PDB file of N, CA and C in Angstrom:
ATOM      1  N   ALA A   1      44.452 -43.102 -20.926  1.00  0.00           N
ATOM      2  CA  ALA A   1      44.053 -41.940 -21.407  1.00  0.00           C
ATOM      3  C   ALA A   1      42.294 -41.980 -21.615  1.00  0.00           C
ATOM      4  N   GLN A   2      41.905 -40.683 -21.662  1.00  0.00           N
ATOM      5  CA  GLN A   2      40.347 -40.944 -21.559  1.00  0.00           C
ATOM      6  C   GLN A   2      39.552 -40.625 -22.839  1.00  0.00           C
ATOM      7  N   ALA A   3      38.686 -41.301 -23.327  1.00  0.00           N
ATOM      8  CA  ALA A   3      38.012 -41.203 -24.402  1.00  0.00           C
ATOM      9  C   ALA A   3      37.337 -39.601 -24.492  1.00  0.00           C
ATOM     10  N   SER A   4      37.202 -39.319 -25.540  1.00  0.00           N
ATOM     11  CA  SER A   4      36.528 -37.645 -25.732  1.00  0.00           C
ATOM     12  C   SER A   4      34.954 -37.991 -25.742  1.00  0.00           C
ATOM     13  N   LYS A   5      34.217 -37.380 -25.268  1.00  0.00           N
ATOM     14  CA  LYS A   5      32.648 -37.572 -25.364  1.00  0.00           C
ATOM     15  C   LYS A   5      32.210 -36.489 -26.571  1.00  0.00           C
ATOM     16  N   ALA A   6      31.237 -37.390 -27.285  1.00  0.00           N
ATOM     17  CA  ALA A   6      30.651 -36.558 -27.986  1.00  0.00           C
ATOM     18  C   ALA A   6      30.012 -35.228 -27.837  1.00  0.00           C
ATOM     19  N   VAL A   7      30.045 -34.018 -28.750  1.00  0.00           N
ATOM     20  CA  VAL A   7      29.567 -32.807 -28.286  1.00  0.00           C
ATOM     21  C   VAL A   7      28.068 -32.972 -28.818  1.00  0.00           C
ATOM     22  N   PRO A   8      27.195 -32.698 -27.990  1.00  0.00           N
ATOM     23  CA  PRO A   8      25.733 -32.275 -28.491  1.00  0.00           C
ATOM     24  C   PRO A   8      25.633 -31.535 -29.810  1.00  0.00           C
ATOM     25  N   THR A   9      24.748 -31.956 -30.352  1.00  0.00           N
ATOM     26  CA  THR A   9      24.629 -31.026 -31.744  1.00  0.00           C
ATOM     27  C   THR A   9      24.305 -29.544 -31.539  1.00  0.00           C
ATOM     28  N   GLY A  10      23.621 -29.200 -30.851  1.00  0.00           N
ATOM     29  CA  GLY A  10      23.427 -27.545 -30.560  1.00  0.00           C
ATOM     30  C   GLY A  10      24.605 -26.951 -30.162  1.00  0.00           C
ATOM     31  N   MET A  11      25.386 -27.818 -29.071  1.00  0.00           N
ATOM     32  CA  MET A  11      26.795 -27.066 -28.864  1.00  0.00           C
ATOM     33  C   MET A  11      27.660 -27.256 -29.914  1.00  0.00           C
ATOM     34  N   ALA A  12      27.550 -28.032 -30.667  1.00  0.00           N
ATOM     35  CA  ALA A  12      28.526 -28.267 -31.899  1.00  0.00           C
ATOM     36  C   ALA A  12      28.596 -26.853 -32.733  1.00  0.00           C
ATOM     37  N   ALA A  13      27.162 -26.414 -32.897  1.00  0.00           N
ATOM     38  CA  ALA A  13      27.048 -25.123 -33.679  1.00  0.00           C
ATOM     39  C   ALA A  13      27.733 -24.022 -32.948  1.00  0.00           C
ATOM     40  N   VAL A  14      27.669 -23.930 -31.508  1.00  0.00           N
ATOM     41  CA  VAL A  14      28.098 -22.635 -30.745  1.00  0.00           C
ATOM     42  C   VAL A  14      29.715 -22.823 -30.737  1.00  0.00           C
ATOM     43  N   ILE A  15      30.232 -24.125 -30.575  1.00  0.00           N
ATOM     44  CA  ILE A  15      31.650 -24.386 -30.621  1.00  0.00           C
ATOM     45  C   ILE A  15      32.322 -23.545 -32.174  1.00  0.00           C
ATOM     46  N   GLY A  16      31.761 -24.133 -33.031  1.00  0.00           N
ATOM     47  CA  GLY A  16      32.030 -23.887 -34.564  1.00  0.00           C
ATOM     48  C   GLY A  16      31.730 -22.136 -34.625  1.00  0.00           C
ATOM     49  N   GLY A  17      30.973 -21.581 -34.074  1.00  0.00           N
ATOM     50  CA  GLY A  17      30.697 -20.097 -34.051  1.00  0.00           C
ATOM     51  C   GLY A  17      31.675 -19.340 -33.360  1.00  0.00           C
ATOM     52  N   VAL A  18      32.194 -20.016 -32.137  1.00  0.00           N
ATOM     53  CA  VAL A  18      33.057 -19.535 -31.424  1.00  0.00           C
ATOM     54  C   VAL A  18      34.659 -19.515 -32.033  1.00  0.00           C
ATOM     55  N   GLN A  19      34.830 -20.436 -32.807  1.00  0.00           N
ATOM     56  CA  GLN A  19      35.994 -20.864 -33.685  1.00  0.00           C
ATOM     57  C   GLN A  19      35.999 -19.878 -34.772  1.00  0.00           C
ATOM     58  N   ASP A  20      34.761 -19.739 -35.456  1.00  0.00           N
ATOM     59  CA  ASP A  20      34.754 -18.768 -36.597  1.00  0.00           C
ATOM     60  C   ASP A  20      35.044 -17.300 -36.021  1.00  0.00           C
ATOM     61  N   ASP A  21      34.735 -16.911 -34.962  1.00  0.00           N
ATOM     62  CA  ASP A  21      34.819 -15.654 -34.187  1.00  0.00           C
ATOM     63  C   ASP A  21      36.390 -15.334 -34.019  1.00  0.00           C
ATOM     64  N   VAL A  22      36.870 -16.349 -33.441  1.00  0.00           N
ATOM     65  CA  VAL A  22      38.520 -16.468 -33.212  1.00  0.00           C
ATOM     66  C   VAL A  22      39.330 -16.073 -34.614  1.00  0.00           C
ATOM     67  N   LEU A  23      38.952 -16.913 -35.322  1.00  0.00           N
ATOM     68  CA  LEU A  23      39.681 -16.711 -36.596  1.00  0.00           C
ATOM     69  C   LEU A  23      39.132 -15.529 -37.339  1.00  0.00           C
ATOM     70  N   ALA A  24      37.937 -14.822 -37.303  1.00  0.00           N
ATOM     71  CA  ALA A  24      37.831 -13.477 -37.815  1.00  0.00           C
ATOM     72  C   ALA A  24      38.666 -12.395 -36.969  1.00  0.00           C
ATOM     73  N   ALA A  25      38.999 -12.614 -36.007  1.00  0.00           N
ATOM     74  CA  ALA A  25      39.590 -11.612 -34.836  1.00  0.00           C
ATOM     75  C   ALA A  25      40.850 -11.482 -35.388  1.00  0.00           C
ATOM     76  N   ILE A  26      41.612 -12.798 -35.710  1.00  0.00           N
ATOM     77  CA  ILE A  26      42.929 -12.973 -36.058  1.00  0.00           C
ATOM     78  C   ILE A  26      43.201 -12.221 -37.330  1.00  0.00           C
ATOM     79  N   GLU A  27      42.150 -12.490 -38.201  1.00  0.00           N
ATOM     80  CA  GLU A  27      42.316 -11.630 -39.573  1.00  0.00           C
ATOM     81  C   GLU A  27      41.963 -10.276 -39.465  1.00  0.00           C
ATOM     82  N   ALA A  28      41.144  -9.787 -38.740  1.00  0.00           N
ATOM     83  CA  ALA A  28      40.795  -8.289 -38.566  1.00  0.00           C
ATOM     84  C   ALA A  28      41.949  -7.734 -38.045  1.00  0.00           C
ATOM     85  N   ALA A  29      42.503  -8.048 -37.049  1.00  0.00           N
ATOM     86  CA  ALA A  29      43.882  -7.438 -36.757  1.00  0.00           C
ATOM     87  C   ALA A  29      45.063  -7.423 -37.558  1.00  0.00           C
ATOM     88  N   GLY A  30      45.004  -8.212 -38.708  1.00  0.00           N
ATOM     89  CA  GLY A  30      45.714  -8.014 -39.757  1.00  0.00           C
ATOM     90  C   GLY A  30      47.059  -9.238 -39.413  1.00  0.00           C
ATOM     91  N   LEU A  31      46.697  -9.865 -38.576  1.00  0.00           N
ATOM     92  CA  LEU A  31      47.889 -11.001 -38.077  1.00  0.00           C
ATOM     93  C   LEU A  31      47.934 -12.222 -39.289  1.00  0.00           C
ATOM     94  N   GLN A  32      49.172 -12.022 -39.888  1.00  0.00           N
ATOM     95  CA  GLN A  32      49.576 -13.092 -40.853  1.00  0.00           C
ATOM     96  C   GLN A  32      50.519 -14.267 -40.177  1.00  0.00           C
ATOM     97  N   PRO A  33      50.119 -15.514 -40.522  1.00  0.00           N
ATOM     98  CA  PRO A  33      50.968 -16.615 -39.854  1.00  0.00           C
ATOM     99  C   PRO A  33      52.310 -16.477 -40.276  1.00  0.00           C
ATOM    100  N   ALA A  34      53.359 -16.703 -39.770  1.00  0.00           N
ATOM    101  CA  ALA A  34      54.903 -16.671 -39.940  1.00  0.00           C
ATOM    102  C   ALA A  34      55.128 -18.087 -40.704  1.00  0.00           C
ATOM    103  N   ASN A  35      55.856 -18.055 -41.809  1.00  0.00           N
ATOM    104  CA  ASN A  35      56.324 -19.347 -42.396  1.00  0.00           C
ATOM    105  C   ASN A  35      57.420 -19.623 -42.022  1.00  0.00           C
ATOM    106  N   VAL A  36      57.561 -20.295 -40.908  1.00  0.00           N
ATOM    107  CA  VAL A  36      58.558 -20.744 -40.086  1.00  0.00           C
ATOM    108  C   VAL A  36      58.592 -22.127 -40.078  1.00  0.00           C
ATOM    109  N   THR A  37      59.546 -22.924 -40.741  1.00  0.00           N
ATOM    110  CA  THR A  37      59.768 -24.411 -40.607  1.00  0.00           C
ATOM    111  C   THR A  37      60.586 -24.784 -39.847  1.00  0.00           C
ATOM    112  N   THR A  38      61.469 -24.107 -39.050  1.00  0.00           N
ATOM    113  CA  THR A  38      62.566 -24.498 -38.312  1.00  0.00           C
ATOM    114  C   THR A  38      62.088 -24.915 -36.985  1.00  0.00           C
ATOM    115  N   VAL A  39      60.861 -24.647 -36.485  1.00  0.00           N
ATOM    116  CA  VAL A  39      60.322 -24.864 -35.050  1.00  0.00           C
ATOM    117  C   VAL A  39      59.062 -25.365 -35.328  1.00  0.00           C
ATOM    118  N   SER A  40      58.703 -26.463 -34.299  1.00  0.00           N
ATOM    119  CA  SER A  40      57.345 -27.326 -34.316  1.00  0.00           C
ATOM    120  C   SER A  40      56.971 -27.143 -33.119  1.00  0.00           C
ATOM    121  N   ILE A  41      55.798 -26.877 -32.899  1.00  0.00           N
ATOM    122  CA  ILE A  41      54.944 -26.803 -31.412  1.00  0.00           C
ATOM    123  C   ILE A  41      54.284 -28.072 -31.518  1.00  0.00           C
ATOM    124  N   LEU A  42      53.723 -28.550 -30.295  1.00  0.00           N
ATOM    125  CA  LEU A  42      52.543 -29.477 -30.360  1.00  0.00           C
ATOM    126  C   LEU A  42      51.432 -28.901 -30.132  1.00  0.00           C
ATOM    127  N   SER A  43      50.356 -29.485 -30.578  1.00  0.00           N
ATOM    128  CA  SER A  43      49.093 -29.214 -30.311  1.00  0.00           C
ATOM    129  C   SER A  43      48.539 -29.734 -29.365  1.00  0.00           C
ATOM    130  N   ASN A  44      47.882 -29.007 -28.362  1.00  0.00           N
ATOM    131  CA  ASN A  44      47.287 -29.636 -27.163  1.00  0.00           C
ATOM    132  C   ASN A  44      46.071 -30.189 -27.325  1.00  0.00           C
ATOM    133  N   ARG A  45      45.644 -29.791 -28.538  1.00  0.00           N
ATOM    134  CA  ARG A  45      44.360 -30.737 -29.165  1.00  0.00           C
ATOM    135  C   ARG A  45      44.310 -32.059 -29.504  1.00  0.00           C
ATOM    136  N   ASP A  46      45.635 -32.524 -30.146  1.00  0.00           N
ATOM    137  CA  ASP A  46      45.623 -33.838 -30.380  1.00  0.00           C
ATOM    138  C   ASP A  46      47.395 -34.269 -30.297  1.00  0.00           C
ATOM    139  N   GLY A  47      48.097 -33.420 -29.719  1.00  0.00           N
ATOM    140  CA  GLY A  47      49.492 -33.996 -29.509  1.00  0.00           C
ATOM    141  C   GLY A  47      50.214 -33.966 -30.660  1.00  0.00           C
ATOM    142  N   ARG A  48      49.824 -33.790 -31.793  1.00  0.00           N
ATOM    143  CA  ARG A  48      50.518 -33.674 -33.234  1.00  0.00           C
ATOM    144  C   ARG A  48      51.500 -32.468 -33.296  1.00  0.00           C
ATOM    145  N   PRO A  49      52.510 -32.685 -33.734  1.00  0.00           N
ATOM    146  CA  PRO A  49      53.442 -31.549 -34.096  1.00  0.00           C
ATOM    147  C   PRO A  49      52.952 -30.524 -35.131  1.00  0.00           C
ATOM    148  N   VAL A  50      52.942 -29.205 -34.978  1.00  0.00           N
ATOM    149  CA  VAL A  50      52.492 -28.357 -36.171  1.00  0.00           C
ATOM    150  C   VAL A  50      53.675 -27.637 -36.565  1.00  0.00           C
ATOM    151  N   GLU A  51      53.922 -27.784 -38.037  1.00  0.00           N
ATOM    152  CA  GLU A  51      55.244 -27.090 -38.519  1.00  0.00           C
ATOM    153  C   GLU A  51      55.207 -26.192 -39.108  1.00  0.00           C
ATOM    154  N   ASN A  52      54.299 -25.284 -39.458  1.00  0.00           N
ATOM    155  CA  ASN A  52      54.196 -24.121 -40.422  1.00  0.00           C
ATOM    156  C   ASN A  52      52.889 -22.960 -39.892  1.00  0.00           C
ATOM    157  N   GLY A  53      53.214 -21.856 -40.335  1.00  0.00           N
ATOM    158  CA  GLY A  53      52.174 -20.844 -39.798  1.00  0.00           C
ATOM    159  C   GLY A  53      50.963 -21.012 -39.899  1.00  0.00           C
ATOM    160  N   ARG A  54      50.395 -21.511 -41.166  1.00  0.00           N
ATOM    161  CA  ARG A  54      49.076 -21.606 -41.287  1.00  0.00           C
ATOM    162  C   ARG A  54      48.514 -22.725 -40.475  1.00  0.00           C
ATOM    163  N   GLU A  55      49.123 -23.739 -40.136  1.00  0.00           N
ATOM    164  CA  GLU A  55      48.863 -24.904 -39.243  1.00  0.00           C
ATOM    165  C   GLU A  55      48.742 -24.316 -37.761  1.00  0.00           C
ATOM    166  N   TYR A  56      49.616 -23.446 -37.725  1.00  0.00           N
ATOM    167  CA  TYR A  56      49.739 -22.609 -35.987  1.00  0.00           C
ATOM    168  C   TYR A  56      48.329 -22.052 -35.689  1.00  0.00           C
ATOM    169  N   VAL A  57      47.913 -21.354 -36.765  1.00  0.00           N
ATOM    170  CA  VAL A  57      46.706 -20.363 -36.576  1.00  0.00           C
ATOM    171  C   VAL A  57      45.506 -21.389 -36.469  1.00  0.00           C
ATOM    172  N   GLN A  58      45.475 -22.359 -37.435  1.00  0.00           N
ATOM    173  CA  GLN A  58      44.210 -23.349 -37.356  1.00  0.00           C
ATOM    174  C   GLN A  58      44.284 -23.954 -36.119  1.00  0.00           C
ATOM    175  N   SER A  59      45.346 -24.673 -35.882  1.00  0.00           N
ATOM    176  CA  SER A  59      45.729 -25.343 -34.469  1.00  0.00           C
ATOM    177  C   SER A  59      45.180 -24.622 -33.276  1.00  0.00           C
ATOM    178  N   LEU A  60      45.578 -23.325 -33.084  1.00  0.00           N
ATOM    179  CA  LEU A  60      45.488 -22.456 -32.271  1.00  0.00           C
ATOM    180  C   LEU A  60      44.036 -22.109 -31.979  1.00  0.00           C
ATOM    181  N   VAL A  61      43.281 -21.879 -33.135  1.00  0.00           N
ATOM    182  CA  VAL A  61      41.704 -21.541 -33.122  1.00  0.00           C
ATOM    183  C   VAL A  61      41.068 -22.813 -32.880  1.00  0.00           C
ATOM    184  N   SER A  62      41.555 -24.181 -33.126  1.00  0.00           N
ATOM    185  CA  SER A  62      40.699 -25.233 -32.918  1.00  0.00           C
ATOM    186  C   SER A  62      40.946 -25.764 -31.405  1.00  0.00           C
ATOM    187  N   GLN A  63      42.127 -25.384 -30.563  1.00  0.00           N
ATOM    188  CA  GLN A  63      42.096 -25.348 -29.294  1.00  0.00           C
ATOM    189  C   GLN A  63      41.295 -24.735 -28.387  1.00  0.00           C
ATOM    190  N   VAL A  64      40.973 -23.648 -28.953  1.00  0.00           N
ATOM    191  CA  VAL A  64      39.925 -22.933 -27.903  1.00  0.00           C
ATOM    192  C   VAL A  64      38.811 -23.725 -27.442  1.00  0.00           C
ATOM    193  N   THR A  65      38.376 -24.462 -28.148  1.00  0.00           N
ATOM    194  CA  THR A  65      37.034 -25.121 -27.968  1.00  0.00           C
ATOM    195  C   THR A  65      37.152 -26.498 -28.139  1.00  0.00           C
ATOM    196  N   SER A  66      38.457 -27.177 -27.445  1.00  0.00           N
ATOM    197  CA  SER A  66      39.026 -28.499 -27.503  1.00  0.00           C
ATOM    198  C   SER A  66      39.497 -28.681 -26.194  1.00  0.00           C
ATOM    199  N   PRO A  67      39.023 -29.937 -25.710  1.00  0.00           N
ATOM    200  CA  PRO A  67      39.924 -30.269 -24.388  1.00  0.00           C
ATOM    201  C   PRO A  67      41.462 -30.332 -24.551  1.00  0.00           C
ATOM    202  N   VAL A  68      42.030 -29.989 -23.543  1.00  0.00           N
ATOM    203  CA  VAL A  68      43.646 -30.337 -23.605  1.00  0.00           C
ATOM    204  C   VAL A  68      43.811 -31.600 -23.302  1.00  0.00           C
ATOM    205  N   ARG A  69      44.673 -32.223 -24.352  1.00  0.00           N
ATOM    206  CA  ARG A  69      45.101 -33.372 -24.575  1.00  0.00           C
ATOM    207  C   ARG A  69      46.623 -33.718 -24.305  1.00  0.00           C
ATOM    208  N   TRP A  70      47.033 -33.399 -22.751  1.00  0.00           N
ATOM    209  CA  TRP A  70      48.337 -33.549 -22.513  1.00  0.00           C
ATOM    210  C   TRP A  70      49.053 -35.050 -22.478  1.00  0.00           C
ATOM    211  N   ASP A  71      47.868 -35.956 -22.545  1.00  0.00           N
ATOM    212  CA  ASP A  71      48.546 -37.459 -22.617  1.00  0.00           C
ATOM    213  C   ASP A  71      48.993 -37.411 -23.958  1.00  0.00           C
ATOM    214  N   LEU A  72      48.340 -37.015 -25.126  1.00  0.00           N
ATOM    215  CA  LEU A  72      48.884 -37.096 -26.225  1.00  0.00           C
ATOM    216  C   LEU A  72      50.135 -36.407 -26.698  1.00  0.00           C
ATOM    217  N   CYS A  73      50.076 -35.340 -26.183  1.00  0.00           N
ATOM    218  CA  CYS A  73      51.594 -34.314 -26.092  1.00  0.00           C
ATOM    219  C   CYS A  73      52.573 -35.493 -25.388  1.00  0.00           C
ATOM    220  N   GLN A  74      52.244 -35.766 -24.320  1.00  0.00           N
ATOM    221  CA  GLN A  74      53.341 -36.580 -23.600  1.00  0.00           C
ATOM    222  C   GLN A  74      53.955 -37.735 -24.203  1.00  0.00           C
ATOM    223  N   GLN A  75      52.961 -38.521 -25.132  1.00  0.00           N
ATOM    224  CA  GLN A  75      53.140 -39.580 -25.988  1.00  0.00           C
ATOM    225  C   GLN A  75      54.032 -39.245 -26.999  1.00  0.00           C
ATOM    226  N   THR A  76      53.985 -37.855 -27.641  1.00  0.00           N
ATOM    227  CA  THR A  76      54.663 -37.762 -28.905  1.00  0.00           C
ATOM    228  C   THR A  76      56.175 -37.298 -28.253  1.00  0.00           C
ATOM    229  N   LEU A  77      56.058 -36.506 -27.270  1.00  0.00           N
ATOM    230  CA  LEU A  77      57.341 -36.172 -26.692  1.00  0.00           C
ATOM    231  C   LEU A  77      58.109 -37.344 -26.447  1.00  0.00           C
ATOM    232  N   VAL A  78      57.653 -38.459 -25.612  1.00  0.00           N
ATOM    233  CA  VAL A  78      58.398 -39.755 -25.483  1.00  0.00           C
ATOM    234  C   VAL A  78      58.723 -40.532 -26.710  1.00  0.00           C
ATOM    235  N   GLU A  79      57.955 -40.483 -27.822  1.00  0.00           N
ATOM    236  CA  GLU A  79      58.123 -41.042 -29.064  1.00  0.00           C
ATOM    237  C   GLU A  79      59.280 -40.498 -29.547  1.00  0.00           C
ATOM    238  N   ALA A  80      59.346 -38.918 -29.267  1.00  0.00           N
ATOM    239  CA  ALA A  80      60.416 -38.186 -29.873  1.00  0.00           C
ATOM    240  C   ALA A  80      61.780 -38.258 -29.379  1.00  0.00           C
ATOM    241  N   GLY A  81      61.798 -38.886 -28.196  1.00  0.00           N
ATOM    242  CA  GLY A  81      63.075 -39.224 -27.427  1.00  0.00           C
ATOM    243  C   GLY A  81      63.537 -38.188 -26.420  1.00  0.00           C
ATOM    244  N   VAL A  82      62.446 -37.327 -26.038  1.00  0.00           N
ATOM    245  CA  VAL A  82      62.869 -36.239 -25.302  1.00  0.00           C
ATOM    246  C   VAL A  82      63.420 -36.806 -23.906  1.00  0.00           C
ATOM    247  N   THR A  83      64.237 -36.204 -23.272  1.00  0.00           N
ATOM    248  CA  THR A  83      64.730 -36.646 -21.931  1.00  0.00           C
ATOM    249  C   THR A  83      64.666 -35.835 -21.002  1.00  0.00           C
ATOM    250  N   GLY A  84      64.001 -34.426 -21.111  1.00  0.00           N
ATOM    251  CA  GLY A  84      63.807 -33.524 -20.062  1.00  0.00           C
ATOM    252  C   GLY A  84      62.579 -32.411 -20.295  1.00  0.00           C
ATOM    253  N   LEU A  85      62.221 -32.210 -19.249  1.00  0.00           N
ATOM    254  CA  LEU A  85      60.868 -31.352 -19.604  1.00  0.00           C
ATOM    255  C   LEU A  85      61.019 -30.124 -18.808  1.00  0.00           C
ATOM    256  N   LEU A  86      61.127 -28.836 -19.032  1.00  0.00           N
ATOM    257  CA  LEU A  86      61.160 -27.828 -18.267  1.00  0.00           C
ATOM    258  C   LEU A  86      59.874 -27.080 -18.563  1.00  0.00           C
ATOM    259  N   GLU A  87      59.138 -26.720 -17.170  1.00  0.00           N
ATOM    260  CA  GLU A  87      57.796 -25.861 -17.243  1.00  0.00           C
ATOM    261  C   GLU A  87      57.880 -24.831 -16.983  1.00  0.00           C
ATOM    262  N   LEU A  88      57.573 -23.872 -17.656  1.00  0.00           N
ATOM    263  CA  LEU A  88      57.648 -22.391 -17.356  1.00  0.00           C
ATOM    264  C   LEU A  88      56.688 -21.935 -16.505  1.00  0.00           C
ATOM    265  N   LEU A  89      56.780 -20.632 -15.828  1.00  0.00           N
ATOM    266  CA  LEU A  89      55.885 -20.213 -14.783  1.00  0.00           C
ATOM    267  C   LEU A  89      54.165 -20.197 -15.448  1.00  0.00           C
ATOM    268  N   PRO A  90      53.456 -20.335 -14.500  1.00  0.00           N
ATOM    269  CA  PRO A  90      53.710 -20.427 -12.869  1.00  0.00           C
ATOM    270  C   PRO A  90      54.546 -21.807 -12.657  1.00  0.00           C
ATOM    271  N   GLY A  91      54.282 -22.942 -13.395  1.00  0.00           N
ATOM    272  CA  GLY A  91      55.175 -24.106 -13.248  1.00  0.00           C
ATOM    273  C   GLY A  91      54.572 -25.106 -12.046  1.00  0.00           C
ATOM    274  N   GLY A  92      54.505 -26.355 -12.542  1.00  0.00           N
ATOM    275  CA  GLY A  92      54.050 -27.193 -11.470  1.00  0.00           C
ATOM    276  C   GLY A  92      53.159 -28.175 -11.875  1.00  0.00           C
ATOM    277  N   THR A  93      51.998 -27.852 -12.485  1.00  0.00           N
ATOM    278  CA  THR A  93      50.834 -29.027 -12.778  1.00  0.00           C
ATOM    279  C   THR A  93      51.587 -29.760 -14.008  1.00  0.00           C
ATOM    280  N   LEU A  94      52.074 -29.448 -15.109  1.00  0.00           N
ATOM    281  CA  LEU A  94      52.450 -30.376 -16.104  1.00  0.00           C
ATOM    282  C   LEU A  94      53.481 -31.167 -15.522  1.00  0.00           C
ATOM    283  N   THR A  95      54.387 -30.673 -15.005  1.00  0.00           N
ATOM    284  CA  THR A  95      55.552 -31.701 -14.561  1.00  0.00           C
ATOM    285  C   THR A  95      54.955 -32.655 -13.545  1.00  0.00           C
ATOM    286  N   GLY A  96      54.247 -32.355 -12.787  1.00  0.00           N
ATOM    287  CA  GLY A  96      53.538 -33.520 -11.726  1.00  0.00           C
ATOM    288  C   GLY A  96      52.871 -34.504 -12.542  1.00  0.00           C
ATOM    289  N   ILE A  97      52.130 -34.132 -13.691  1.00  0.00           N
ATOM    290  CA  ILE A  97      51.540 -35.162 -14.500  1.00  0.00           C
ATOM    291  C   ILE A  97      52.494 -36.014 -15.285  1.00  0.00           C
ATOM    292  N   ALA A  98      53.499 -35.079 -15.862  1.00  0.00           N
ATOM    293  CA  ALA A  98      54.638 -35.913 -16.489  1.00  0.00           C
ATOM    294  C   ALA A  98      55.257 -36.821 -15.885  1.00  0.00           C
ATOM    295  N   ARG A  99      55.587 -36.503 -14.530  1.00  0.00           N
ATOM    296  CA  ARG A  99      56.237 -37.607 -13.595  1.00  0.00           C
ATOM    297  C   ARG A  99      55.541 -38.772 -13.721  1.00  0.00           C
ATOM    298  N   ARG A 100      54.438 -38.842 -13.726  1.00  0.00           N
ATOM    299  CA  ARG A 100      53.548 -40.063 -13.701  1.00  0.00           C
ATOM    300  C   ARG A 100      53.693 -40.653 -15.095  1.00  0.00           C
ATOM    301  N   GLY A 101      53.552 -39.837 -16.258  1.00  0.00           N
ATOM    302  CA  GLY A 101      53.217 -40.240 -17.606  1.00  0.00           C
ATOM    303  C   GLY A 101      54.390 -40.414 -18.611  1.00  0.00           C
ATOM    304  N   MET A 102      55.693 -39.736 -17.933  1.00  0.00           N
ATOM    305  CA  MET A 102      56.639 -39.963 -18.768  1.00  0.00           C
ATOM    306  C   MET A 102      57.640 -40.260 -17.833  1.00  0.00           C
ATOM    307  N   LYS A 103      57.569 -41.840 -17.513  1.00  0.00           N
ATOM    308  CA  LYS A 103      58.834 -42.368 -16.772  1.00  0.00           C
ATOM    309  C   LYS A 103      60.180 -42.174 -17.273  1.00  0.00           C
ATOM    310  N   GLY A 104      61.056 -42.044 -16.469  1.00  0.00           N
ATOM    311  CA  GLY A 104      62.557 -41.920 -16.940  1.00  0.00           C
ATOM    312  C   GLY A 104      62.768 -40.479 -17.512  1.00  0.00           C
ATOM    313  N   VAL A 105      61.924 -39.352 -17.683  1.00  0.00           N
ATOM    314  CA  VAL A 105      62.109 -38.249 -18.329  1.00  0.00           C
ATOM    315  C   VAL A 105      62.503 -37.116 -17.222  1.00  0.00           C
ATOM    316  N   GLU A 106      63.275 -36.514 -17.216  1.00  0.00           N
ATOM    317  CA  GLU A 106      63.772 -35.465 -16.282  1.00  0.00           C
ATOM    318  C   GLU A 106      62.963 -34.386 -16.253  1.00  0.00           C
ATOM    319  N   THR A 107      62.041 -33.693 -15.104  1.00  0.00           N
ATOM    320  CA  THR A 107      61.343 -32.706 -15.145  1.00  0.00           C
ATOM    321  C   THR A 107      61.785 -31.645 -14.042  1.00  0.00           C
ATOM    322  N   PHE A 108      61.682 -30.461 -14.377  1.00  0.00           N
ATOM    323  CA  PHE A 108      61.663 -29.139 -13.636  1.00  0.00           C
ATOM    324  C   PHE A 108      60.702 -28.173 -13.662  1.00  0.00           C
ATOM    325  N   ALA A 109      60.158 -27.937 -12.604  1.00  0.00           N
ATOM    326  CA  ALA A 109      59.028 -26.657 -13.011  1.00  0.00           C
ATOM    327  C   ALA A 109      59.675 -25.415 -12.397  1.00  0.00           C
ATOM    328  N   LEU A 110      59.862 -24.515 -13.197  1.00  0.00           N
ATOM    329  CA  LEU A 110      60.319 -23.228 -12.997  1.00  0.00           C
ATOM    330  C   LEU A 110      59.240 -22.301 -12.420  1.00  0.00           C
ATOM    331  N   THR A 111      59.222 -22.139 -10.902  1.00  0.00           N
ATOM    332  CA  THR A 111      58.155 -21.264 -10.282  1.00  0.00           C
ATOM    333  C   THR A 111      58.553 -19.843 -10.113  1.00  0.00           C
ATOM    334  N   SER A 112      60.026 -19.379 -10.180  1.00  0.00           N
ATOM    335  CA  SER A 112      60.138 -18.053 -10.310  1.00  0.00           C
ATOM    336  C   SER A 112      61.657 -17.767 -11.173  1.00  0.00           C
ATOM    337  N   ALA A 113      61.565 -16.622 -11.397  1.00  0.00           N
ATOM    338  CA  ALA A 113      62.835 -16.335 -12.047  1.00  0.00           C
ATOM    339  C   ALA A 113      64.225 -16.486 -11.334  1.00  0.00           C
ATOM    340  N   ASP A 114      64.113 -16.651 -10.120  1.00  0.00           N
ATOM    341  CA  ASP A 114      65.414 -16.867  -9.397  1.00  0.00           C
ATOM    342  C   ASP A 114      65.729 -18.315  -9.636  1.00  0.00           C
ATOM    343  N   GLN A 115      64.902 -19.354  -9.924  1.00  0.00           N
ATOM    344  CA  GLN A 115      65.453 -20.407 -10.369  1.00  0.00           C
ATOM    345  C   GLN A 115      66.208 -20.712 -11.700  1.00  0.00           C
ATOM    346  N   LEU A 116      66.067 -19.653 -12.429  1.00  0.00           N
ATOM    347  CA  LEU A 116      66.854 -19.895 -13.815  1.00  0.00           C
ATOM    348  C   LEU A 116      68.119 -20.621 -13.853  1.00  0.00           C
ATOM    349  N   ASP A 117      69.417 -20.060 -12.716  1.00  0.00           N
ATOM    350  CA  ASP A 117      70.476 -21.063 -12.921  1.00  0.00           C
ATOM    351  C   ASP A 117      70.109 -22.521 -12.547  1.00  0.00           C
ATOM    352  N   GLU A 118      69.412 -22.626 -11.694  1.00  0.00           N
ATOM    353  CA  GLU A 118      68.950 -24.327 -11.040  1.00  0.00           C
ATOM    354  C   GLU A 118      68.424 -24.897 -12.180  1.00  0.00           C
ATOM    355  N   ALA A 119      67.764 -24.154 -13.249  1.00  0.00           N
ATOM    356  CA  ALA A 119      67.146 -25.163 -14.159  1.00  0.00           C
ATOM    357  C   ALA A 119      68.019 -25.451 -15.247  1.00  0.00           C
ATOM    358  N   ARG A 120      69.071 -24.840 -15.354  1.00  0.00           N
ATOM    359  CA  ARG A 120      70.113 -25.133 -16.681  1.00  0.00           C
ATOM    360  C   ARG A 120      70.710 -26.350 -16.495  1.00  0.00           C
TER     361      ARG A 120
END
């Protein structure tokens, strides 16, 4: 795992502004987070499960200006006992990384709709 680098002070203000702009655009569009508790997603910012609508929005906004931490997502998936990973179109990059970082987990990269039966 690679350590995150500190963000220079001037850049931090720009990043914060971008996050504010994205959140404002979501609110201006009248989008409201769903109150769904039956599905969780993994934040690619820190690999943690996000389990409600308000958290989804905050996580998505913070991901706009954060590095993708697929290593932390993989760690969470392995700890949860995941045994298979299906990557959707365009497919290939994440399953390639997963083969190296998630030993023993079956992977399949869906690269075309013609592969749907093969992916089952």
